[in-house]
Amino acid sequence: MPVRKETYKAIRDRIKAEMPWIKWIDLQKGQMDTPSKSYPLPLPCALVEFKPVTWESFPRQSQIGWTTISIWLYLDHSGDSIKGAAMEEQSLALMDSMDEVFQKLEDLSGPSFKRMVRTNDQVVAYKPRMIVYRCDFSTDLHDYCEEGTMQLPQVEIAVQLENQ
């Protein structure tokens, strides 16, 4: 199975199993940036984004790539966190949701990727009735071509001799 697909499915399945309160899990495709052009996503939702990969080749047609995988968490924000507010506990629970992304994904690994390690997290935006949070994980991806599947380019060489 292709390395990115395998990694995405492992992340998706872990979120689904360990964070059942998340209603929607998908690849990040900018859906929340242009909501008028996208179907409405239920909140809370998690979107998975693969950042650029830096690859290094090794013998036997294998490569190791270093990348960052971002988990974008979109949370409904409908209350205040000031002491005594009607929805104080629900509002403060948003921080627990953010921490849970790290707690549930930090040890995740698979046949084609190494253990995910949190490198950064932040609240990206406060939108009307929504908080956007992102948690970045670094990981190594391991990819290879099966023997005989890699095609070498066909090069045609023409020799011209000059008469002197």
C-alpha atoms as a PDB file:
ATOM      1  CA  MET A   1       0.000   0.000   0.000  1.00  0.00           C
ATOM      2  CA  PRO A   2       1.370   3.474  -0.785  1.00  0.00           C
ATOM      3  CA  VAL A   3       3.067   5.023   2.235  1.00  0.00           C
ATOM      4  CA  ARG A   4       0.914   8.178   2.537  1.00  0.00           C
ATOM      5  CA  LYS A   5      -2.323   6.239   2.175  1.00  0.00           C
ATOM      6  CA  GLU A   6      -1.232   3.728   4.819  1.00  0.00           C
ATOM      7  CA  THR A   7      -0.190   6.525   7.186  1.00  0.00           C
ATOM      8  CA  TYR A   8      -3.437   8.459   6.676  1.00  0.00           C
ATOM      9  CA  LYS A   9      -5.551   5.352   7.304  1.00  0.00           C
ATOM     10  CA  ALA A  10      -3.641   4.600  10.529  1.00  0.00           C
ATOM     11  CA  ILE A  11      -4.189   8.173  11.767  1.00  0.00           C
ATOM     12  CA  ARG A  12      -7.858   8.146  10.731  1.00  0.00           C
ATOM     13  CA  ASP A  13      -8.499   4.800  12.405  1.00  0.00           C
ATOM     14  CA  ARG A  14      -6.740   5.852  15.640  1.00  0.00           C
ATOM     15  CA  ILE A  15      -8.751   9.082  15.830  1.00  0.00           C
ATOM     16  CA  LYS A  16     -11.977   7.203  15.146  1.00  0.00           C
ATOM     17  CA  ALA A  17     -11.226   4.575  17.817  1.00  0.00           C
ATOM     18  CA  GLU A  18      -9.699   6.802  20.516  1.00  0.00           C
ATOM     19  CA  MET A  19     -11.579  10.088  20.034  1.00  0.00           C
ATOM     20  CA  PRO A  20     -15.163   9.118  19.187  1.00  0.00           C
ATOM     21  CA  TRP A  21     -16.336  12.659  19.939  1.00  0.00           C
ATOM     22  CA  ILE A  22     -14.782  13.778  16.614  1.00  0.00           C
ATOM     23  CA  LYS A  23     -17.604  13.662  14.065  1.00  0.00           C
ATOM     24  CA  TRP A  24     -15.618  13.962  10.815  1.00  0.00           C
ATOM     25  CA  ILE A  25     -12.107  12.883   9.765  1.00  0.00           C
ATOM     26  CA  ASP A  26     -10.732  13.709   6.312  1.00  0.00           C
ATOM     27  CA  LEU A  27      -7.654  14.886   4.439  1.00  0.00           C
ATOM     28  CA  GLN A  28      -7.026  18.622   4.705  1.00  0.00           C
ATOM     29  CA  LYS A  29      -8.046  20.157   1.383  1.00  0.00           C
ATOM     30  CA  GLY A  30      -8.882  23.675   2.517  1.00  0.00           C
ATOM     31  CA  GLN A  31     -12.523  22.749   3.111  1.00  0.00           C
ATOM     32  CA  MET A  32     -12.898  25.185   6.007  1.00  0.00           C
ATOM     33  CA  ASP A  33     -11.227  28.077   4.176  1.00  0.00           C
ATOM     34  CA  THR A  34     -13.982  28.291   1.575  1.00  0.00           C
ATOM     35  CA  PRO A  35     -17.091  26.932   3.305  1.00  0.00           C
ATOM     36  CA  SER A  36     -19.375  28.331   0.610  1.00  0.00           C
ATOM     37  CA  LYS A  37     -17.651  26.088  -1.966  1.00  0.00           C
ATOM     38  CA  SER A  38     -17.480  23.014   0.300  1.00  0.00           C
ATOM     39  CA  TYR A  39     -20.121  20.875   1.886  1.00  0.00           C
ATOM     40  CA  PRO A  40     -20.658  21.756   5.544  1.00  0.00           C
ATOM     41  CA  LEU A  41     -18.523  19.649   7.867  1.00  0.00           C
ATOM     42  CA  PRO A  42     -19.905  18.702  11.272  1.00  0.00           C
ATOM     43  CA  LEU A  43     -17.947  19.907  14.280  1.00  0.00           C
ATOM     44  CA  PRO A  44     -15.758  18.824  15.868  1.00  0.00           C
ATOM     45  CA  CYS A  45     -13.768  17.592  12.899  1.00  0.00           C
ATOM     46  CA  ALA A  46     -10.142  16.602  12.314  1.00  0.00           C
ATOM     47  CA  LEU A  47      -8.369  17.166   9.003  1.00  0.00           C
ATOM     48  CA  VAL A  48      -5.027  15.483   8.266  1.00  0.00           C
ATOM     49  CA  GLU A  49      -2.381  17.308   6.207  1.00  0.00           C
ATOM     50  CA  PHE A  50       0.900  15.928   4.851  1.00  0.00           C
ATOM     51  CA  LYS A  51       3.603  18.585   4.543  1.00  0.00           C
ATOM     52  CA  PRO A  52       6.390  18.275   1.914  1.00  0.00           C
ATOM     53  CA  VAL A  53       8.620  15.206   2.269  1.00  0.00           C
ATOM     54  CA  THR A  54      12.432  15.287   2.013  1.00  0.00           C
ATOM     55  CA  TRP A  55      13.582  11.932   0.600  1.00  0.00           C
ATOM     56  CA  GLU A  56      16.933  10.158   0.746  1.00  0.00           C
ATOM     57  CA  SER A  57      17.682   7.053  -1.312  1.00  0.00           C
ATOM     58  CA  PHE A  58      19.137   3.850   0.074  1.00  0.00           C
ATOM     59  CA  PRO A  59      20.180   0.547  -1.538  1.00  0.00           C
ATOM     60  CA  ARG A  60      17.629  -1.912  -2.904  1.00  0.00           C
ATOM     61  CA  GLN A  61      15.326   0.789  -4.293  1.00  0.00           C
ATOM     62  CA  SER A  62      14.216   2.102  -0.899  1.00  0.00           C
ATOM     63  CA  GLN A  63      13.871   5.639   0.386  1.00  0.00           C
ATOM     64  CA  ILE A  64      13.363   7.294   3.752  1.00  0.00           C
ATOM     65  CA  GLY A  65      11.492  10.571   3.865  1.00  0.00           C
ATOM     66  CA  TRP A  66      11.202  13.094   6.669  1.00  0.00           C
ATOM     67  CA  THR A  67       7.953  14.981   6.963  1.00  0.00           C
ATOM     68  CA  THR A  68       5.497  16.748   9.199  1.00  0.00           C
ATOM     69  CA  ILE A  69       1.903  15.648   9.480  1.00  0.00           C
ATOM     70  CA  SER A  70      -0.503  18.276  10.766  1.00  0.00           C
ATOM     71  CA  ILE A  71      -3.753  17.448  12.495  1.00  0.00           C
ATOM     72  CA  TRP A  72      -6.190  20.338  12.140  1.00  0.00           C
ATOM     73  CA  LEU A  73      -8.888  20.247  14.794  1.00  0.00           C
ATOM     74  CA  TYR A  74     -11.986  22.399  14.294  1.00  0.00           C
ATOM     75  CA  LEU A  75     -13.934  22.826  17.529  1.00  0.00           C
ATOM     76  CA  ASP A  76     -17.287  24.429  18.210  1.00  0.00           C
ATOM     77  CA  HIS A  77     -16.824  27.350  20.577  1.00  0.00           C
ATOM     78  CA  SER A  78     -20.031  28.591  22.077  1.00  0.00           C
ATOM     79  CA  GLY A  79     -19.250  29.641  25.621  1.00  0.00           C
ATOM     80  CA  ASP A  80     -17.031  31.743  27.858  1.00  0.00           C
ATOM     81  CA  SER A  81     -14.291  30.423  30.116  1.00  0.00           C
ATOM     82  CA  ILE A  82     -14.515  33.156  32.728  1.00  0.00           C
ATOM     83  CA  LYS A  83     -15.190  31.922  36.261  1.00  0.00           C
ATOM     84  CA  GLY A  84     -18.879  31.431  36.859  1.00  0.00           C
ATOM     85  CA  ALA A  85     -19.913  31.617  33.182  1.00  0.00           C
ATOM     86  CA  ALA A  86     -22.829  29.381  32.232  1.00  0.00           C
ATOM     87  CA  MET A  87     -20.648  27.256  29.924  1.00  0.00           C
ATOM     88  CA  GLU A  88     -17.325  27.647  31.755  1.00  0.00           C
ATOM     89  CA  GLU A  89     -16.557  23.905  31.940  1.00  0.00           C
ATOM     90  CA  GLN A  90     -17.521  23.248  28.295  1.00  0.00           C
ATOM     91  CA  SER A  91     -15.340  26.139  27.191  1.00  0.00           C
ATOM     92  CA  LEU A  92     -12.367  24.954  29.277  1.00  0.00           C
ATOM     93  CA  ALA A  93     -12.840  21.429  27.901  1.00  0.00           C
ATOM     94  CA  LEU A  94     -11.629  22.778  24.540  1.00  0.00           C
ATOM     95  CA  MET A  95      -8.098  22.704  25.958  1.00  0.00           C
ATOM     96  CA  ASP A  96      -8.582  19.041  26.942  1.00  0.00           C
ATOM     97  CA  SER A  97      -9.610  18.275  23.342  1.00  0.00           C
ATOM     98  CA  MET A  98      -6.433  19.919  22.060  1.00  0.00           C
ATOM     99  CA  ASP A  99      -4.252  17.945  24.478  1.00  0.00           C
ATOM    100  CA  GLU A 100      -6.000  14.712  23.539  1.00  0.00           C
ATOM    101  CA  VAL A 101      -4.714  14.968  19.947  1.00  0.00           C
ATOM    102  CA  PHE A 102      -1.161  14.643  21.291  1.00  0.00           C
ATOM    103  CA  GLN A 103      -2.040  11.984  23.859  1.00  0.00           C
ATOM    104  CA  LYS A 104      -3.760   9.700  21.339  1.00  0.00           C
ATOM    105  CA  LEU A 105      -1.394  10.100  18.371  1.00  0.00           C
ATOM    106  CA  GLU A 106       2.086  10.520  19.897  1.00  0.00           C
ATOM    107  CA  ASP A 107       2.931   6.793  19.879  1.00  0.00           C
ATOM    108  CA  LEU A 108       1.347   5.940  16.522  1.00  0.00           C
ATOM    109  CA  SER A 109       3.539   4.081  14.014  1.00  0.00           C
ATOM    110  CA  GLY A 110       3.052   1.574  11.212  1.00  0.00           C
ATOM    111  CA  PRO A 111       4.910  -0.655   8.760  1.00  0.00           C
ATOM    112  CA  SER A 112       5.802   2.321   6.525  1.00  0.00           C
ATOM    113  CA  PHE A 113       6.182   5.109   9.082  1.00  0.00           C
ATOM    114  CA  LYS A 114       8.011   5.600  12.371  1.00  0.00           C
ATOM    115  CA  ARG A 115       6.540   6.806  15.654  1.00  0.00           C
ATOM    116  CA  MET A 116       4.896  10.205  15.332  1.00  0.00           C
ATOM    117  CA  VAL A 117       6.491  12.865  17.578  1.00  0.00           C
ATOM    118  CA  ARG A 118       4.781  16.178  18.371  1.00  0.00           C
ATOM    119  CA  THR A 119       6.911  19.136  17.290  1.00  0.00           C
ATOM    120  CA  ASN A 120       4.491  22.049  17.514  1.00  0.00           C
ATOM    121  CA  ASP A 121       0.939  22.906  18.404  1.00  0.00           C
ATOM    122  CA  GLN A 122      -1.035  26.113  18.390  1.00  0.00           C
ATOM    123  CA  VAL A 123      -4.422  27.715  18.161  1.00  0.00           C
ATOM    124  CA  VAL A 124      -4.408  28.921  14.570  1.00  0.00           C
ATOM    125  CA  ALA A 125      -7.592  30.991  14.515  1.00  0.00           C
ATOM    126  CA  TYR A 126     -10.611  32.061  16.464  1.00  0.00           C
ATOM    127  CA  LYS A 127     -13.531  32.203  14.077  1.00  0.00           C
ATOM    128  CA  PRO A 128     -17.159  32.960  14.864  1.00  0.00           C
ATOM    129  CA  ARG A 129     -18.294  30.044  17.059  1.00  0.00           C
ATOM    130  CA  MET A 130     -15.210  27.994  16.103  1.00  0.00           C
ATOM    131  CA  ILE A 131     -11.632  27.496  17.304  1.00  0.00           C
ATOM    132  CA  VAL A 132      -9.056  26.144  14.844  1.00  0.00           C
ATOM    133  CA  TYR A 133      -6.215  24.195  16.437  1.00  0.00           C
ATOM    134  CA  ARG A 134      -3.244  22.507  14.727  1.00  0.00           C
ATOM    135  CA  CYS A 135      -0.862  19.900  16.112  1.00  0.00           C
ATOM    136  CA  ASP A 136       2.241  18.998  14.082  1.00  0.00           C
ATOM    137  CA  PHE A 137       3.960  15.615  14.297  1.00  0.00           C
ATOM    138  CA  SER A 138       7.276  14.675  12.673  1.00  0.00           C
ATOM    139  CA  THR A 139       7.756  11.178  11.322  1.00  0.00           C
ATOM    140  CA  ASP A 140       9.908   9.141   8.961  1.00  0.00           C
ATOM    141  CA  LEU A 141       8.252   7.526   5.957  1.00  0.00           C
ATOM    142  CA  HIS A 142       9.735   4.363   4.457  1.00  0.00           C
ATOM    143  CA  ASP A 143       9.004   3.720   0.795  1.00  0.00           C
ATOM    144  CA  TYR A 144      10.382   1.251  -1.709  1.00  0.00           C
ATOM    145  CA  CYS A 145       9.906  -0.094  -5.222  1.00  0.00           C
ATOM    146  CA  GLU A 146       9.542  -3.822  -5.596  1.00  0.00           C
ATOM    147  CA  GLU A 147      12.368  -5.493  -7.491  1.00  0.00           C
ATOM    148  CA  GLY A 148      11.860  -5.174 -11.208  1.00  0.00           C
ATOM    149  CA  THR A 149       9.223  -2.449 -11.009  1.00  0.00           C
ATOM    150  CA  MET A 150      11.545   0.524 -11.288  1.00  0.00           C
ATOM    151  CA  GLN A 151      12.025   1.507 -14.917  1.00  0.00           C
ATOM    152  CA  LEU A 152      15.266   3.069 -16.020  1.00  0.00           C
ATOM    153  CA  PRO A 153      15.049   5.736 -18.683  1.00  0.00           C
ATOM    154  CA  GLN A 154      15.929   4.648 -22.214  1.00  0.00           C
ATOM    155  CA  VAL A 155      18.804   6.804 -23.397  1.00  0.00           C
ATOM    156  CA  GLU A 156      19.814   6.952 -27.043  1.00  0.00           C
ATOM    157  CA  ILE A 157      23.442   7.823 -27.663  1.00  0.00           C
ATOM    158  CA  ALA A 158      24.586   9.127 -31.032  1.00  0.00           C
ATOM    159  CA  VAL A 159      28.290   9.496 -31.781  1.00  0.00           C
ATOM    160  CA  GLN A 160      29.534  12.008 -34.283  1.00  0.00           C
ATOM    161  CA  LEU A 161      33.124  11.918 -35.444  1.00  0.00           C
ATOM    162  CA  GLU A 162      34.697  14.967 -36.881  1.00  0.00           C
ATOM    163  CA  ASN A 163      37.100  14.650 -39.794  1.00  0.00           C
ATOM    164  CA  GLN A 164      40.183  16.730 -39.305  1.00  0.00           C
END
